[in-house]
C-alpha cells in the first residue's frame, strides 16, 4: 500500500489548518481548523459525501463557528 499520497494530503490539510488559524488571528490551532483544512482535500470530500455528509454544509457551519 502506497501511503505517500495520504501523507501529502494530510500534510497539506495540517498546513492549511495552521494558515487558517494565523489568518483568523487565533491563538491556537484547534480541531475545527484541522477539519477546515481536511475539507479542502478532494478525497475527504468524496469520503464524506459517500457517507451522506454534505461537505458544503460542514464548511458553512465551520465558517459560522469561526465568525
N, C-alpha and C. Protein backbone atom coordinates (compact mmCIF):
# COMPACT_ATOMS: atom_id res chain seq x y z
N UNK A 1 0.85 -1.18 0.00
CA UNK A 1 0.00 0.00 0.00
C UNK A 1 0.89 1.24 0.00
N UNK A 2 0.63 2.15 -0.90
CA UNK A 2 1.40 3.37 -1.01
C UNK A 2 0.75 4.46 -0.15
N UNK A 3 1.44 4.88 0.90
CA UNK A 3 0.88 5.90 1.81
C UNK A 3 1.37 7.29 1.47
N UNK A 4 2.21 7.42 0.47
CA UNK A 4 2.76 8.75 0.13
C UNK A 4 1.69 9.78 -0.20
N UNK A 5 0.68 9.48 -1.06
CA UNK A 5 -0.35 10.49 -1.32
C UNK A 5 -1.14 10.85 -0.06
N UNK A 6 -1.41 9.86 0.79
CA UNK A 6 -2.13 10.12 2.03
C UNK A 6 -1.33 11.06 2.91
N UNK A 7 -0.04 10.82 3.03
CA UNK A 7 0.82 11.68 3.84
C UNK A 7 0.86 13.09 3.28
N UNK A 8 0.95 13.20 1.97
CA UNK A 8 0.99 14.52 1.33
C UNK A 8 -0.32 15.27 1.56
N UNK A 9 -1.45 14.57 1.45
CA UNK A 9 -2.75 15.20 1.68
C UNK A 9 -2.89 15.63 3.14
N UNK A 10 -2.44 14.79 4.05
CA UNK A 10 -2.54 15.12 5.47
C UNK A 10 -1.65 16.32 5.80
N UNK A 11 -0.45 16.33 5.26
CA UNK A 11 0.45 17.47 5.47
C UNK A 11 -0.15 18.75 4.91
N UNK A 12 -0.77 18.66 3.78
CA UNK A 12 -1.42 19.81 3.17
C UNK A 12 -2.56 20.31 4.04
N UNK A 13 -3.37 19.40 4.56
CA UNK A 13 -4.50 19.77 5.41
C UNK A 13 -4.02 20.43 6.70
N UNK A 14 -2.95 19.90 7.28
CA UNK A 14 -2.41 20.48 8.51
C UNK A 14 -1.85 21.87 8.23
N UNK A 15 -1.16 22.01 7.12
CA UNK A 15 -0.62 23.33 6.74
C UNK A 15 -1.76 24.34 6.58
N UNK A 16 -2.84 23.92 5.93
CA UNK A 16 -3.99 24.81 5.73
C UNK A 16 -4.65 25.16 7.07
N UNK A 17 -4.68 24.21 8.00
CA UNK A 17 -5.24 24.48 9.33
C UNK A 17 -4.44 25.57 10.03
N UNK A 18 -3.11 25.48 9.98
CA UNK A 18 -2.26 26.50 10.59
C UNK A 18 -2.42 27.84 9.89
N UNK A 19 -2.51 27.82 8.57
CA UNK A 19 -2.68 29.07 7.82
C UNK A 19 -4.01 29.74 8.17
N UNK A 20 -5.06 28.95 8.31
CA UNK A 20 -6.37 29.49 8.66
C UNK A 20 -6.33 30.12 10.04
N UNK A 21 -5.74 29.42 10.99
CA UNK A 21 -5.64 29.96 12.35
C UNK A 21 -4.85 31.26 12.36
N UNK A 22 -3.78 31.30 11.61
CA UNK A 22 -2.97 32.51 11.53
C UNK A 22 -3.77 33.64 10.86
N UNK A 23 -4.45 33.33 9.78
CA UNK A 23 -5.24 34.32 9.05
C UNK A 23 -6.34 34.92 9.95
N UNK A 24 -6.98 34.05 10.72
CA UNK A 24 -8.07 34.48 11.60
C UNK A 24 -7.53 35.10 12.90
N UNK A 25 -6.21 35.09 13.06
CA UNK A 25 -5.55 35.62 14.26
C UNK A 25 -5.99 34.88 15.52
N UNK A 26 -6.14 33.56 15.38
CA UNK A 26 -6.49 32.74 16.52
C UNK A 26 -5.21 32.33 17.24
N UNK A 27 -5.30 32.24 18.54
CA UNK A 27 -4.13 31.90 19.35
C UNK A 27 -3.73 30.43 19.19
N UNK A 28 -4.72 29.57 19.02
CA UNK A 28 -4.48 28.14 18.95
C UNK A 28 -5.03 27.57 17.64
N UNK A 29 -4.44 26.45 17.22
CA UNK A 29 -4.97 25.67 16.10
C UNK A 29 -5.80 24.56 16.75
N UNK A 30 -7.07 24.50 16.37
CA UNK A 30 -7.99 23.56 17.00
C UNK A 30 -8.43 22.48 16.01
N UNK A 31 -9.22 21.55 16.49
CA UNK A 31 -9.75 20.51 15.61
C UNK A 31 -10.64 21.11 14.53
N UNK A 32 -11.27 22.24 14.84
CA UNK A 32 -12.10 22.90 13.83
C UNK A 32 -11.23 23.41 12.68
N UNK A 33 -10.07 23.93 12.99
CA UNK A 33 -9.14 24.37 11.94
C UNK A 33 -8.69 23.17 11.11
N UNK A 34 -8.40 22.07 11.80
CA UNK A 34 -7.98 20.86 11.08
C UNK A 34 -9.09 20.34 10.19
N UNK A 35 -10.32 20.35 10.68
CA UNK A 35 -11.45 19.92 9.85
C UNK A 35 -11.58 20.80 8.62
N UNK A 36 -11.42 22.10 8.79
CA UNK A 36 -11.49 23.01 7.65
C UNK A 36 -10.38 22.69 6.66
N UNK A 37 -9.19 22.40 7.15
CA UNK A 37 -8.09 22.01 6.27
C UNK A 37 -8.37 20.71 5.54
N UNK A 38 -8.93 19.76 6.25
CA UNK A 38 -9.26 18.47 5.64
C UNK A 38 -10.34 18.63 4.57
N UNK A 39 -11.29 19.53 4.81
CA UNK A 39 -12.37 19.72 3.83
C UNK A 39 -11.87 20.26 2.50
N UNK A 40 -10.68 20.81 2.49
CA UNK A 40 -10.14 21.32 1.23
C UNK A 40 -9.56 20.20 0.36
N UNK A 41 -9.48 18.99 0.92
CA UNK A 41 -8.94 17.84 0.18
C UNK A 41 -10.09 17.10 -0.52
N UNK A 42 -9.91 16.86 -1.79
CA UNK A 42 -10.99 16.22 -2.57
C UNK A 42 -11.32 14.82 -2.08
N UNK A 43 -10.32 14.07 -1.62
CA UNK A 43 -10.58 12.71 -1.12
C UNK A 43 -11.45 12.75 0.12
N UNK A 44 -11.24 13.73 0.97
CA UNK A 44 -12.06 13.87 2.18
C UNK A 44 -13.49 14.22 1.78
N UNK A 45 -13.63 15.12 0.83
CA UNK A 45 -14.96 15.50 0.37
C UNK A 45 -15.70 14.29 -0.21
N UNK A 46 -15.00 13.49 -0.99
CA UNK A 46 -15.62 12.28 -1.58
C UNK A 46 -16.04 11.31 -0.48
N UNK A 47 -15.17 11.12 0.50
CA UNK A 47 -15.47 10.19 1.59
C UNK A 47 -16.67 10.66 2.39
N UNK A 48 -16.70 11.93 2.73
CA UNK A 48 -17.84 12.47 3.47
C UNK A 48 -19.13 12.33 2.66
N UNK A 49 -19.07 12.66 1.39
CA UNK A 49 -20.25 12.56 0.53
C UNK A 49 -20.76 11.13 0.46
N UNK A 50 -19.85 10.17 0.39
CA UNK A 50 -20.27 8.77 0.31
C UNK A 50 -20.93 8.30 1.60
N UNK A 51 -20.69 9.03 2.69
CA UNK A 51 -21.32 8.71 3.98
C UNK A 51 -22.59 9.52 4.21
N UNK A 52 -22.99 10.30 3.20
CA UNK A 52 -24.21 11.08 3.31
C UNK A 52 -24.02 12.45 3.94
N UNK A 53 -22.78 12.85 4.14
CA UNK A 53 -22.48 14.16 4.72
C UNK A 53 -22.25 15.15 3.58
N UNK A 54 -22.79 16.34 3.72
CA UNK A 54 -22.61 17.36 2.69
C UNK A 54 -21.45 18.28 3.11
N UNK A 55 -20.30 18.16 2.43
CA UNK A 55 -19.15 18.98 2.80
C UNK A 55 -19.43 20.48 2.80
N UNK A 56 -20.31 20.94 1.91
CA UNK A 56 -20.61 22.37 1.88
C UNK A 56 -21.34 22.82 3.15
N UNK A 57 -22.18 21.95 3.70
CA UNK A 57 -22.87 22.29 4.94
C UNK A 57 -21.89 22.30 6.11
N UNK A 58 -20.97 21.36 6.12
CA UNK A 58 -19.96 21.33 7.17
C UNK A 58 -19.11 22.60 7.09
N UNK A 59 -18.72 22.96 5.87
CA UNK A 59 -17.91 24.16 5.68
C UNK A 59 -18.67 25.41 6.13
N UNK A 60 -19.95 25.49 5.82
CA UNK A 60 -20.77 26.64 6.23
C UNK A 60 -20.85 26.71 7.76
N UNK A 61 -20.98 25.57 8.41
CA UNK A 61 -21.02 25.55 9.86
C UNK A 61 -19.69 26.00 10.45
N UNK A 62 -18.61 25.56 9.85
CA UNK A 62 -17.28 25.98 10.32
C UNK A 62 -17.08 27.48 10.13
N UNK A 63 -17.52 27.99 8.99
CA UNK A 63 -17.40 29.43 8.73
C UNK A 63 -18.15 30.22 9.80
N UNK A 64 -19.35 29.76 10.14
CA UNK A 64 -20.14 30.44 11.16
C UNK A 64 -19.45 30.33 12.52
N UNK A 65 -18.88 29.18 12.80
CA UNK A 65 -18.18 28.97 14.07
C UNK A 65 -16.99 29.92 14.19
N UNK A 66 -16.24 30.09 13.12
CA UNK A 66 -15.05 30.94 13.15
C UNK A 66 -15.42 32.41 13.28
N UNK A 67 -16.59 32.78 12.82
CA UNK A 67 -17.02 34.19 12.93
C UNK A 67 -17.58 34.42 14.31
